[in-house]
N, C-alpha and C. Protein backbone atom coordinates (compact mmCIF):
# COMPACT_ATOMS: atom_id res chain seq x y z
N MET A 1 41.75 201.34 69.33
CA MET A 1 42.26 202.19 68.27
C MET A 1 43.77 202.22 68.34
N LYS A 2 44.42 201.22 67.75
CA LYS A 2 45.88 201.13 67.81
C LYS A 2 46.53 202.09 66.83
N GLU A 3 45.87 202.34 65.68
CA GLU A 3 46.38 203.27 64.70
C GLU A 3 45.49 204.51 64.67
N LYS A 4 46.11 205.66 64.43
CA LYS A 4 45.34 206.88 64.37
C LYS A 4 44.43 206.88 63.14
N ILE A 5 43.21 207.37 63.32
CA ILE A 5 42.32 207.49 62.18
C ILE A 5 42.59 208.83 61.48
N LYS A 6 42.23 208.94 60.24
CA LYS A 6 42.47 210.15 59.46
C LYS A 6 41.33 211.14 59.64
N ILE A 7 41.68 212.40 59.86
CA ILE A 7 40.66 213.42 60.08
C ILE A 7 39.69 213.50 58.90
N LYS A 8 40.19 213.25 57.68
CA LYS A 8 39.33 213.35 56.50
C LYS A 8 38.29 212.23 56.45
N GLU A 9 38.48 211.21 57.25
CA GLU A 9 37.51 210.11 57.31
C GLU A 9 36.56 210.25 58.48
N THR A 10 36.58 211.43 59.14
CA THR A 10 35.71 211.69 60.28
C THR A 10 34.75 212.83 59.97
N ALA A 11 33.67 212.87 60.72
CA ALA A 11 32.75 214.02 60.69
C ALA A 11 32.25 214.25 62.11
N LEU A 12 32.19 215.50 62.50
CA LEU A 12 31.68 215.87 63.81
C LEU A 12 30.18 216.13 63.69
N LEU A 13 29.39 215.37 64.41
CA LEU A 13 27.94 215.50 64.40
C LEU A 13 27.50 216.22 65.68
N VAL A 14 27.01 217.44 65.53
CA VAL A 14 26.59 218.26 66.67
C VAL A 14 25.07 218.22 66.74
N VAL A 15 24.54 217.55 67.75
CA VAL A 15 23.11 217.25 67.80
C VAL A 15 22.33 218.26 68.65
N ASP A 16 21.41 218.96 68.00
CA ASP A 16 20.34 219.74 68.66
C ASP A 16 20.81 220.83 69.61
N ILE A 17 21.86 221.54 69.24
CA ILE A 17 22.25 222.69 70.06
C ILE A 17 21.41 223.88 69.57
N THR A 18 20.14 223.82 69.92
CA THR A 18 19.17 224.85 69.54
C THR A 18 18.51 225.42 70.79
N ASN A 19 17.84 226.52 70.64
CA ASN A 19 17.18 227.14 71.78
C ASN A 19 16.18 226.19 72.45
N PHE A 20 15.51 225.39 71.66
CA PHE A 20 14.50 224.47 72.18
C PHE A 20 15.07 223.54 73.24
N SER A 21 16.35 223.19 73.09
CA SER A 21 16.98 222.22 73.99
C SER A 21 18.00 222.85 74.93
N CYS A 22 18.20 224.17 74.83
CA CYS A 22 19.28 224.79 75.59
C CYS A 22 18.91 226.08 76.31
N HIS A 23 18.08 226.88 75.69
CA HIS A 23 17.84 228.24 76.19
C HIS A 23 16.93 228.25 77.42
N GLN A 24 17.23 229.17 78.32
CA GLN A 24 16.45 229.29 79.55
C GLN A 24 14.97 229.56 79.27
N GLU A 25 14.69 230.30 78.20
CA GLU A 25 13.31 230.63 77.87
C GLU A 25 12.50 229.42 77.41
N CYS A 26 13.19 228.34 77.05
CA CYS A 26 12.51 227.14 76.57
C CYS A 26 12.41 226.05 77.63
N GLU A 27 12.84 226.36 78.84
CA GLU A 27 12.68 225.41 79.94
C GLU A 27 11.20 225.27 80.31
N ILE A 28 10.83 224.10 80.80
CA ILE A 28 9.43 223.85 81.14
C ILE A 28 9.31 223.74 82.66
N LYS A 29 8.93 224.83 83.28
CA LYS A 29 8.93 224.91 84.74
C LYS A 29 7.97 223.91 85.38
N LYS A 30 6.80 223.72 84.75
CA LYS A 30 5.80 222.85 85.38
C LYS A 30 6.26 221.40 85.45
N TRP A 31 7.23 221.01 84.60
CA TRP A 31 7.78 219.65 84.63
C TRP A 31 9.18 219.63 85.24
N ASN A 32 9.62 220.76 85.77
CA ASN A 32 10.97 220.89 86.35
C ASN A 32 12.08 220.60 85.33
N ILE A 33 11.81 220.92 84.06
CA ILE A 33 12.82 220.71 83.02
C ILE A 33 13.65 221.98 82.87
N SER A 34 14.91 221.89 83.24
CA SER A 34 15.84 223.01 83.11
C SER A 34 17.12 222.54 82.42
N PHE A 35 17.86 223.49 81.87
CA PHE A 35 19.02 223.16 81.02
C PHE A 35 20.33 223.75 81.55
N LYS A 36 20.47 223.90 82.85
CA LYS A 36 21.67 224.53 83.40
C LYS A 36 22.94 223.76 83.05
N LYS A 37 22.89 222.44 83.15
CA LYS A 37 24.07 221.63 82.84
C LYS A 37 24.41 221.71 81.35
N ILE A 38 23.39 221.82 80.52
CA ILE A 38 23.63 221.98 79.08
C ILE A 38 24.34 223.30 78.80
N ARG A 39 23.84 224.37 79.37
CA ARG A 39 24.45 225.68 79.13
C ARG A 39 25.88 225.75 79.67
N LYS A 40 26.16 225.00 80.70
CA LYS A 40 27.53 224.94 81.22
C LYS A 40 28.45 224.19 80.27
N MET A 41 27.91 223.21 79.54
CA MET A 41 28.69 222.41 78.60
C MET A 41 28.98 223.13 77.29
N VAL A 42 28.05 223.95 76.82
CA VAL A 42 28.13 224.54 75.48
C VAL A 42 29.42 225.31 75.20
N PRO A 43 29.95 226.14 76.11
CA PRO A 43 31.21 226.83 75.81
C PRO A 43 32.36 225.88 75.49
N ASN A 44 32.43 224.74 76.17
CA ASN A 44 33.47 223.76 75.88
C ASN A 44 33.24 223.11 74.51
N LEU A 45 31.98 222.89 74.17
CA LEU A 45 31.65 222.36 72.85
C LEU A 45 32.09 223.34 71.76
N LYS A 46 31.85 224.62 71.96
CA LYS A 46 32.24 225.63 70.98
C LYS A 46 33.76 225.63 70.77
N LYS A 47 34.52 225.47 71.84
CA LYS A 47 35.98 225.42 71.73
C LYS A 47 36.42 224.20 70.93
N PHE A 48 35.75 223.05 71.18
CA PHE A 48 36.10 221.84 70.44
C PHE A 48 35.76 221.99 68.96
N ILE A 49 34.61 222.56 68.66
CA ILE A 49 34.21 222.78 67.27
C ILE A 49 35.27 223.61 66.55
N SER A 50 35.74 224.66 67.20
CA SER A 50 36.75 225.53 66.60
C SER A 50 38.05 224.77 66.33
N LYS A 51 38.47 223.97 67.30
CA LYS A 51 39.71 223.21 67.14
C LYS A 51 39.56 222.14 66.05
N TYR A 52 38.43 221.49 66.01
CA TYR A 52 38.18 220.45 65.00
C TYR A 52 38.11 221.08 63.61
N ARG A 53 37.50 222.26 63.50
CA ARG A 53 37.43 222.96 62.22
C ARG A 53 38.83 223.33 61.72
N LYS A 54 39.68 223.79 62.62
CA LYS A 54 41.05 224.16 62.25
C LYS A 54 41.84 222.95 61.77
N ALA A 55 41.44 221.76 62.22
CA ALA A 55 42.10 220.52 61.78
C ALA A 55 41.53 220.02 60.45
N ASN A 56 40.62 220.82 59.86
CA ASN A 56 40.00 220.50 58.56
C ASN A 56 39.01 219.34 58.63
N GLY A 57 38.37 219.17 59.79
CA GLY A 57 37.34 218.15 59.89
C GLY A 57 36.00 218.68 59.39
N LYS A 58 35.15 217.80 58.92
CA LYS A 58 33.82 218.17 58.42
C LYS A 58 32.85 218.21 59.61
N ILE A 59 32.01 219.24 59.62
CA ILE A 59 31.09 219.44 60.73
C ILE A 59 29.65 219.41 60.22
N ILE A 60 28.84 218.64 60.92
CA ILE A 60 27.42 218.52 60.59
C ILE A 60 26.61 218.99 61.81
N PHE A 61 25.77 219.99 61.60
CA PHE A 61 24.90 220.47 62.67
C PHE A 61 23.51 219.88 62.46
N VAL A 62 22.99 219.27 63.51
CA VAL A 62 21.64 218.69 63.45
C VAL A 62 20.67 219.66 64.11
N GLU A 63 19.59 219.96 63.40
CA GLU A 63 18.52 220.79 63.95
C GLU A 63 17.20 220.04 63.81
N CYS A 64 16.17 220.56 64.45
CA CYS A 64 14.84 219.93 64.40
C CYS A 64 13.86 220.78 63.62
N THR A 65 12.88 220.12 63.03
CA THR A 65 11.73 220.85 62.53
C THR A 65 11.02 221.47 63.73
N PRO A 66 10.12 222.42 63.52
CA PRO A 66 9.32 222.88 64.66
C PRO A 66 8.67 221.68 65.34
N TRP A 67 8.81 221.61 66.65
CA TRP A 67 8.35 220.41 67.38
C TRP A 67 6.85 220.50 67.63
N LYS A 68 6.13 220.43 66.51
CA LYS A 68 4.69 220.54 66.52
C LYS A 68 4.08 219.39 65.72
N LYS A 69 2.83 219.11 65.99
CA LYS A 69 2.16 217.95 65.41
C LYS A 69 2.29 217.89 63.90
N GLU A 70 2.12 219.02 63.22
CA GLU A 70 2.09 219.01 61.75
C GLU A 70 3.44 218.74 61.11
N PHE A 71 4.53 218.81 61.89
CA PHE A 71 5.87 218.62 61.34
C PHE A 71 6.52 217.29 61.74
N LEU A 72 6.01 216.65 62.77
CA LEU A 72 6.70 215.51 63.35
C LEU A 72 6.33 214.18 62.70
N ALA A 73 7.20 213.19 62.90
CA ALA A 73 6.95 211.83 62.39
C ALA A 73 5.65 211.30 62.98
N LYS A 74 4.96 210.47 62.21
CA LYS A 74 3.63 209.99 62.61
C LYS A 74 3.68 209.19 63.91
N ASN A 75 4.75 208.43 64.12
CA ASN A 75 4.79 207.63 65.34
C ASN A 75 4.98 208.50 66.59
N ILE A 76 5.65 209.66 66.45
CA ILE A 76 5.76 210.58 67.58
C ILE A 76 4.40 211.19 67.89
N VAL A 77 3.67 211.58 66.86
CA VAL A 77 2.33 212.13 67.04
C VAL A 77 1.43 211.10 67.74
N GLU A 78 1.57 209.84 67.35
CA GLU A 78 0.79 208.78 67.99
C GLU A 78 1.18 208.64 69.46
N LEU A 79 2.47 208.67 69.74
CA LEU A 79 2.97 208.58 71.11
C LEU A 79 2.44 209.73 71.96
N TYR A 80 2.40 210.92 71.38
CA TYR A 80 2.02 212.11 72.12
C TYR A 80 0.52 212.18 72.41
N LYS A 81 -0.23 211.19 71.98
CA LYS A 81 -1.64 211.13 72.39
C LYS A 81 -1.75 210.92 73.90
N SER A 82 -0.66 210.37 74.47
CA SER A 82 -0.60 210.21 75.92
C SER A 82 -0.09 211.51 76.55
N PRO A 83 -0.84 212.10 77.46
CA PRO A 83 -0.40 213.35 78.10
C PRO A 83 0.96 213.22 78.79
N ARG A 84 1.28 212.03 79.25
CA ARG A 84 2.55 211.81 79.94
C ARG A 84 3.74 212.00 79.00
N CYS A 85 3.53 211.69 77.73
CA CYS A 85 4.62 211.74 76.75
C CYS A 85 4.64 213.03 75.94
N ARG A 86 3.59 213.79 75.97
CA ARG A 86 3.43 214.94 75.06
C ARG A 86 4.46 216.02 75.35
N TYR A 87 5.14 216.45 74.28
CA TYR A 87 6.24 217.39 74.44
C TYR A 87 6.28 218.37 73.28
N TYR A 88 5.11 218.82 72.82
CA TYR A 88 5.07 219.79 71.74
C TYR A 88 5.61 221.14 72.20
N SER A 89 6.20 221.87 71.28
CA SER A 89 6.68 223.21 71.60
C SER A 89 5.54 224.22 71.48
N PRO A 90 5.41 225.12 72.47
CA PRO A 90 4.37 226.15 72.38
C PRO A 90 4.81 227.37 71.57
N ASP A 91 6.08 227.41 71.17
CA ASP A 91 6.63 228.58 70.50
C ASP A 91 6.14 228.68 69.05
N LYS A 92 5.67 229.85 68.67
CA LYS A 92 5.19 230.08 67.30
C LYS A 92 6.07 231.08 66.55
N SER A 93 7.11 231.57 67.19
CA SER A 93 7.93 232.63 66.61
C SER A 93 9.10 232.12 65.78
N GLY A 94 9.46 230.85 65.96
CA GLY A 94 10.65 230.31 65.29
C GLY A 94 11.90 230.40 66.14
N PHE A 95 11.78 231.00 67.32
CA PHE A 95 12.92 231.15 68.23
C PHE A 95 13.47 229.79 68.65
N SER A 96 12.60 228.84 68.91
CA SER A 96 13.01 227.52 69.41
C SER A 96 13.95 226.81 68.46
N GLU A 97 13.77 227.01 67.16
CA GLU A 97 14.55 226.26 66.17
C GLU A 97 15.91 226.88 65.87
N LYS A 98 16.17 228.07 66.36
CA LYS A 98 17.45 228.73 66.09
C LYS A 98 18.57 228.07 66.89
N PHE A 99 19.77 228.06 66.33
CA PHE A 99 20.92 227.49 67.03
C PHE A 99 21.26 228.33 68.27
N PHE A 100 21.70 227.64 69.30
CA PHE A 100 22.02 228.28 70.57
C PHE A 100 23.53 228.43 70.71
N GLU A 101 24.03 229.64 70.55
CA GLU A 101 25.43 230.01 70.77
C GLU A 101 26.43 229.31 69.86
N VAL A 102 25.99 228.53 68.91
CA VAL A 102 26.89 227.96 67.90
C VAL A 102 26.48 228.52 66.54
N LYS A 103 27.46 228.72 65.67
CA LYS A 103 27.19 229.33 64.37
C LYS A 103 27.80 228.49 63.26
N PRO A 104 26.97 227.72 62.56
CA PRO A 104 27.50 226.97 61.40
C PRO A 104 28.10 227.93 60.38
N GLU A 105 29.20 227.51 59.78
CA GLU A 105 29.83 228.29 58.73
C GLU A 105 29.43 227.72 57.37
N LYS A 106 29.76 228.44 56.31
CA LYS A 106 29.24 228.08 54.99
C LYS A 106 29.69 226.71 54.52
N GLU A 107 30.84 226.24 55.01
CA GLU A 107 31.33 224.92 54.60
C GLU A 107 30.72 223.78 55.43
N ASP A 108 30.00 224.12 56.48
CA ASP A 108 29.37 223.10 57.31
C ASP A 108 28.07 222.60 56.67
N PHE A 109 27.63 221.44 57.11
CA PHE A 109 26.40 220.83 56.60
C PHE A 109 25.36 220.86 57.70
N ILE A 110 24.13 221.26 57.35
CA ILE A 110 23.04 221.29 58.32
C ILE A 110 21.99 220.26 57.92
N ILE A 111 21.62 219.41 58.86
CA ILE A 111 20.62 218.38 58.62
C ILE A 111 19.43 218.62 59.54
N THR A 112 18.24 218.56 58.99
CA THR A 112 17.03 218.78 59.77
C THR A 112 16.29 217.46 59.96
N LYS A 113 15.87 217.21 61.18
CA LYS A 113 15.17 215.96 61.47
C LYS A 113 13.79 216.24 62.07
N ASN A 114 12.88 215.28 61.89
CA ASN A 114 11.56 215.39 62.49
C ASN A 114 11.27 214.24 63.45
N SER A 115 12.37 213.62 63.90
CA SER A 115 12.29 212.52 64.86
C SER A 115 13.51 212.60 65.76
N TYR A 116 13.73 211.59 66.57
CA TYR A 116 14.87 211.63 67.50
C TYR A 116 16.20 211.35 66.80
N ASP A 117 16.20 210.38 65.93
CA ASP A 117 17.41 209.90 65.26
C ASP A 117 17.69 210.72 64.02
N ALA A 118 18.86 211.35 63.94
CA ALA A 118 19.21 212.16 62.77
C ALA A 118 19.27 211.33 61.49
N PHE A 119 19.49 210.02 61.62
CA PHE A 119 19.57 209.16 60.44
C PHE A 119 18.21 208.88 59.81
N THR A 120 17.13 209.36 60.44
CA THR A 120 15.83 209.24 59.80
C THR A 120 15.73 210.17 58.59
N ASN A 121 16.61 211.16 58.51
CA ASN A 121 16.72 211.98 57.31
C ASN A 121 17.79 211.37 56.41
N PRO A 122 17.41 210.82 55.25
CA PRO A 122 18.37 210.13 54.38
C PRO A 122 19.49 211.02 53.86
N LYS A 123 19.32 212.34 53.95
CA LYS A 123 20.37 213.25 53.48
C LYS A 123 21.65 213.11 54.30
N LEU A 124 21.50 212.71 55.57
CA LEU A 124 22.68 212.56 56.41
C LEU A 124 23.56 211.42 55.91
N ASN A 125 22.97 210.26 55.70
CA ASN A 125 23.74 209.12 55.22
C ASN A 125 24.34 209.41 53.84
N LYS A 126 23.58 210.10 53.00
CA LYS A 126 24.06 210.45 51.66
C LYS A 126 25.30 211.34 51.74
N PHE A 127 25.28 212.31 52.64
CA PHE A 127 26.43 213.21 52.83
C PHE A 127 27.65 212.42 53.31
N LEU A 128 27.44 211.56 54.29
CA LEU A 128 28.54 210.77 54.85
C LEU A 128 29.15 209.85 53.81
N LYS A 129 28.32 209.22 52.99
CA LYS A 129 28.82 208.33 51.94
C LYS A 129 29.58 209.13 50.89
N LYS A 130 29.06 210.28 50.52
CA LYS A 130 29.70 211.12 49.50
C LYS A 130 31.11 211.49 49.91
N HIS A 131 31.29 211.78 51.20
CA HIS A 131 32.60 212.23 51.69
C HIS A 131 33.43 211.09 52.29
N LYS A 132 32.95 209.87 52.11
CA LYS A 132 33.68 208.67 52.54
C LYS A 132 34.02 208.71 54.02
N ILE A 133 33.03 209.08 54.82
CA ILE A 133 33.21 209.16 56.27
C ILE A 133 33.07 207.77 56.88
N LYS A 134 34.04 207.40 57.71
CA LYS A 134 34.03 206.11 58.39
C LYS A 134 33.75 206.25 59.89
N HIS A 135 34.15 207.38 60.44
CA HIS A 135 34.05 207.59 61.89
C HIS A 135 33.25 208.85 62.19
N ILE A 136 32.21 208.71 62.97
CA ILE A 136 31.40 209.85 63.38
C ILE A 136 31.77 210.25 64.80
N ILE A 137 32.10 211.54 64.97
CA ILE A 137 32.37 212.09 66.29
C ILE A 137 31.06 212.74 66.74
N VAL A 138 30.56 212.37 67.89
CA VAL A 138 29.24 212.88 68.27
C VAL A 138 29.28 213.67 69.57
N ALA A 139 28.51 214.78 69.57
CA ALA A 139 28.35 215.63 70.75
C ALA A 139 26.97 216.25 70.67
N GLY A 140 26.49 216.81 71.80
CA GLY A 140 25.22 217.50 71.75
C GLY A 140 24.25 217.10 72.84
N VAL A 141 22.96 217.30 72.57
CA VAL A 141 21.88 217.02 73.53
C VAL A 141 20.70 216.37 72.80
N PHE A 142 19.85 215.71 73.53
CA PHE A 142 19.93 215.22 74.89
C PHE A 142 20.62 213.87 74.86
N GLY A 143 21.54 213.62 75.80
CA GLY A 143 22.30 212.38 75.79
C GLY A 143 21.44 211.14 75.85
N ASP A 144 20.38 211.21 76.64
CA ASP A 144 19.50 210.06 76.81
C ASP A 144 18.35 210.06 75.82
N GLY A 145 18.36 211.00 74.87
CA GLY A 145 17.30 211.11 73.89
C GLY A 145 17.84 211.07 72.47
N CYS A 146 17.90 212.24 71.84
CA CYS A 146 18.28 212.29 70.42
C CYS A 146 19.72 211.87 70.16
N VAL A 147 20.64 212.16 71.09
CA VAL A 147 22.02 211.72 70.89
C VAL A 147 22.08 210.20 70.89
N ASN A 148 21.46 209.59 71.88
CA ASN A 148 21.48 208.13 71.96
C ASN A 148 20.80 207.49 70.75
N SER A 149 19.66 208.03 70.34
CA SER A 149 18.95 207.50 69.18
C SER A 149 19.80 207.60 67.91
N THR A 150 20.51 208.72 67.76
CA THR A 150 21.36 208.92 66.59
C THR A 150 22.55 207.99 66.60
N ILE A 151 23.13 207.76 67.77
CA ILE A 151 24.24 206.80 67.88
C ILE A 151 23.76 205.42 67.45
N GLU A 152 22.63 205.00 67.95
CA GLU A 152 22.10 203.68 67.60
C GLU A 152 21.78 203.59 66.11
N GLY A 153 21.17 204.65 65.57
CA GLY A 153 20.83 204.65 64.15
C GLY A 153 22.07 204.63 63.27
N GLY A 154 23.08 205.41 63.63
CA GLY A 154 24.31 205.45 62.85
C GLY A 154 25.11 204.17 62.95
N PHE A 155 25.12 203.58 64.13
CA PHE A 155 25.83 202.32 64.31
C PHE A 155 25.18 201.23 63.46
N SER A 156 23.85 201.21 63.43
CA SER A 156 23.13 200.22 62.62
C SER A 156 23.37 200.45 61.13
N ALA A 157 23.69 201.70 60.76
CA ALA A 157 23.99 202.02 59.37
C ALA A 157 25.44 201.68 59.00
N GLY A 158 26.22 201.22 59.98
CA GLY A 158 27.57 200.76 59.69
C GLY A 158 28.70 201.70 60.05
N TYR A 159 28.40 202.79 60.75
CA TYR A 159 29.45 203.75 61.08
C TYR A 159 30.09 203.45 62.44
N ASN A 160 31.37 203.83 62.54
CA ASN A 160 32.09 203.76 63.81
C ASN A 160 31.88 205.08 64.54
N PHE A 161 31.85 205.02 65.85
CA PHE A 161 31.61 206.22 66.64
C PHE A 161 32.74 206.51 67.61
N ILE A 162 33.04 207.81 67.74
CA ILE A 162 33.82 208.33 68.86
C ILE A 162 32.87 209.27 69.59
N ILE A 163 32.58 208.94 70.84
CA ILE A 163 31.54 209.62 71.61
C ILE A 163 32.22 210.52 72.64
N LEU A 164 32.00 211.82 72.51
CA LEU A 164 32.65 212.80 73.38
C LEU A 164 31.79 213.02 74.63
N LYS A 165 32.06 212.22 75.64
CA LYS A 165 31.15 212.17 76.79
C LYS A 165 31.04 213.47 77.57
N ASP A 166 32.09 214.29 77.56
CA ASP A 166 32.00 215.57 78.29
C ASP A 166 31.29 216.64 77.50
N LEU A 167 31.01 216.38 76.22
CA LEU A 167 30.30 217.34 75.37
C LEU A 167 28.91 216.84 75.01
N ILE A 168 28.40 215.95 75.85
CA ILE A 168 27.03 215.45 75.70
C ILE A 168 26.31 215.69 77.02
N GLU A 169 25.14 216.32 76.94
CA GLU A 169 24.40 216.62 78.17
C GLU A 169 22.90 216.38 77.97
N THR A 170 22.20 216.40 79.09
CA THR A 170 20.75 216.28 79.07
C THR A 170 20.15 217.25 80.08
N THR A 171 18.87 217.18 80.28
CA THR A 171 18.22 218.08 81.22
C THR A 171 18.72 217.82 82.64
N ASP A 172 18.40 218.75 83.53
CA ASP A 172 18.88 218.64 84.91
C ASP A 172 18.08 217.65 85.76
N ILE A 173 17.02 217.09 85.21
CA ILE A 173 16.20 216.14 85.97
C ILE A 173 17.07 214.97 86.46
N PRO A 174 17.10 214.68 87.75
CA PRO A 174 18.00 213.64 88.29
C PRO A 174 17.89 212.29 87.61
N ILE A 175 16.66 211.82 87.32
CA ILE A 175 16.53 210.49 86.71
C ILE A 175 17.14 210.46 85.31
N ARG A 176 17.05 211.57 84.58
CA ARG A 176 17.66 211.62 83.24
C ARG A 176 19.18 211.74 83.34
N GLN A 177 19.67 212.41 84.36
CA GLN A 177 21.11 212.47 84.59
C GLN A 177 21.66 211.08 84.92
N ARG A 178 20.92 210.32 85.71
CA ARG A 178 21.37 208.96 86.06
C ARG A 178 21.37 208.06 84.83
N LEU A 179 20.34 208.18 84.01
CA LEU A 179 20.28 207.37 82.78
C LEU A 179 21.43 207.72 81.86
N GLN A 180 21.71 208.99 81.69
CA GLN A 180 22.82 209.41 80.84
C GLN A 180 24.16 208.90 81.38
N LYS A 181 24.30 208.91 82.70
CA LYS A 181 25.53 208.42 83.32
C LYS A 181 25.76 206.94 82.98
N LEU A 182 24.69 206.15 83.00
CA LEU A 182 24.80 204.74 82.64
C LEU A 182 25.18 204.57 81.17
N LEU A 183 24.62 205.41 80.32
CA LEU A 183 24.96 205.35 78.89
C LEU A 183 26.45 205.64 78.69
N LYS A 184 26.95 206.67 79.35
CA LYS A 184 28.35 207.07 79.19
C LYS A 184 29.32 206.05 79.78
N GLU A 185 28.94 205.47 80.92
CA GLU A 185 29.87 204.58 81.61
C GLU A 185 29.79 203.14 81.12
N TYR A 186 28.63 202.73 80.61
CA TYR A 186 28.49 201.32 80.24
C TYR A 186 28.00 201.10 78.81
N THR A 187 26.80 201.57 78.49
CA THR A 187 26.18 201.20 77.21
C THR A 187 26.99 201.65 76.01
N TRP A 188 27.36 202.92 75.95
CA TRP A 188 28.08 203.40 74.76
C TRP A 188 29.44 202.75 74.59
N PRO A 189 30.29 202.73 75.61
CA PRO A 189 31.62 202.14 75.40
C PRO A 189 31.61 200.65 75.14
N THR A 190 30.59 199.94 75.63
CA THR A 190 30.58 198.48 75.43
C THR A 190 29.81 198.06 74.19
N MET A 191 28.96 198.95 73.66
CA MET A 191 28.11 198.55 72.54
C MET A 191 28.24 199.39 71.28
N PHE A 192 28.68 200.66 71.41
CA PHE A 192 28.55 201.54 70.25
C PHE A 192 29.80 202.29 69.82
N GLY A 193 30.78 202.50 70.69
CA GLY A 193 31.96 203.22 70.21
C GLY A 193 32.88 203.67 71.32
N LYS A 194 34.04 204.17 70.91
CA LYS A 194 35.02 204.66 71.87
C LYS A 194 34.46 205.89 72.55
N THR A 195 34.33 205.86 73.85
CA THR A 195 33.71 206.92 74.63
C THR A 195 34.78 207.62 75.45
N ILE A 196 35.09 208.87 75.07
CA ILE A 196 36.26 209.57 75.63
C ILE A 196 35.91 211.01 75.98
N ASP A 197 36.81 211.67 76.73
CA ASP A 197 36.72 213.11 76.93
C ASP A 197 37.27 213.80 75.69
N SER A 198 36.72 214.95 75.37
CA SER A 198 37.13 215.66 74.17
C SER A 198 38.61 216.05 74.18
N LYS A 199 39.17 216.26 75.36
CA LYS A 199 40.58 216.64 75.44
C LYS A 199 41.50 215.54 74.93
N ASP A 200 40.99 214.32 74.89
CA ASP A 200 41.81 213.19 74.43
C ASP A 200 41.61 212.87 72.95
N PHE A 201 40.70 213.59 72.31
CA PHE A 201 40.31 213.24 70.94
C PHE A 201 41.49 213.18 69.97
N PHE A 202 42.35 214.19 69.97
CA PHE A 202 43.41 214.27 68.96
C PHE A 202 44.55 213.28 69.22
N LYS A 203 44.47 212.55 70.32
CA LYS A 203 45.43 211.45 70.52
C LYS A 203 45.15 210.31 69.54
N PHE A 204 43.91 210.26 69.07
CA PHE A 204 43.48 209.14 68.23
C PHE A 204 43.30 209.54 66.77
N VAL A 205 43.54 210.80 66.45
CA VAL A 205 43.23 211.29 65.12
C VAL A 205 44.45 211.91 64.46
N GLN A 206 44.65 211.57 63.22
CA GLN A 206 45.75 212.12 62.42
C GLN A 206 45.23 213.33 61.66
N SER A 207 45.74 214.51 61.95
CA SER A 207 45.27 215.72 61.29
C SER A 207 45.68 215.75 59.84
N ALA A 208 44.91 216.49 59.02
CA ALA A 208 45.23 216.63 57.60
C ALA A 208 46.50 217.44 57.45
N LYS A 209 47.30 217.07 56.44
CA LYS A 209 48.55 217.79 56.18
C LYS A 209 48.41 218.66 54.94
């Protein structure tokens, strides 16, 4: 990135910062799935969102449908026939789908997905095309799951990525942490986009005047 990109040509994509993926009440003890590292990351993500908003950048919040059989993509339902892969939400109250400690504002765009990749909802690409977005800034959870799938889907759709590695997290499970580490250190920077710490973001971006 020899020349600064224009903030108006970027959009910040915040993936799955919802209770289902962040809140202590949604952790799955029997599988040792906990979100401590995610909750430690979220305050820094909130600060970045605020700073990016003040620079007049467009913000897109990604949320999920209820993670239940009747709402999910057919191939996920097929996958979940295997007990090893099954990850339906037991919550019936709607708590799981609420945003966790982040609050979209009226000018922000919210996209709902029923699969891992946010680009499976055509409204996302339509929004990006309408606003002539060339560069997607990505943050959120899970780094080795929905974030990675969305990066791959968006890259295949022709978008450039700036990947904020310190604002992307996954569960505390060691094997998933190791996989995410490989994505951050090798796969993303060599295959999908500039992978940086959020503190360095504005070195590469020209703010709106």
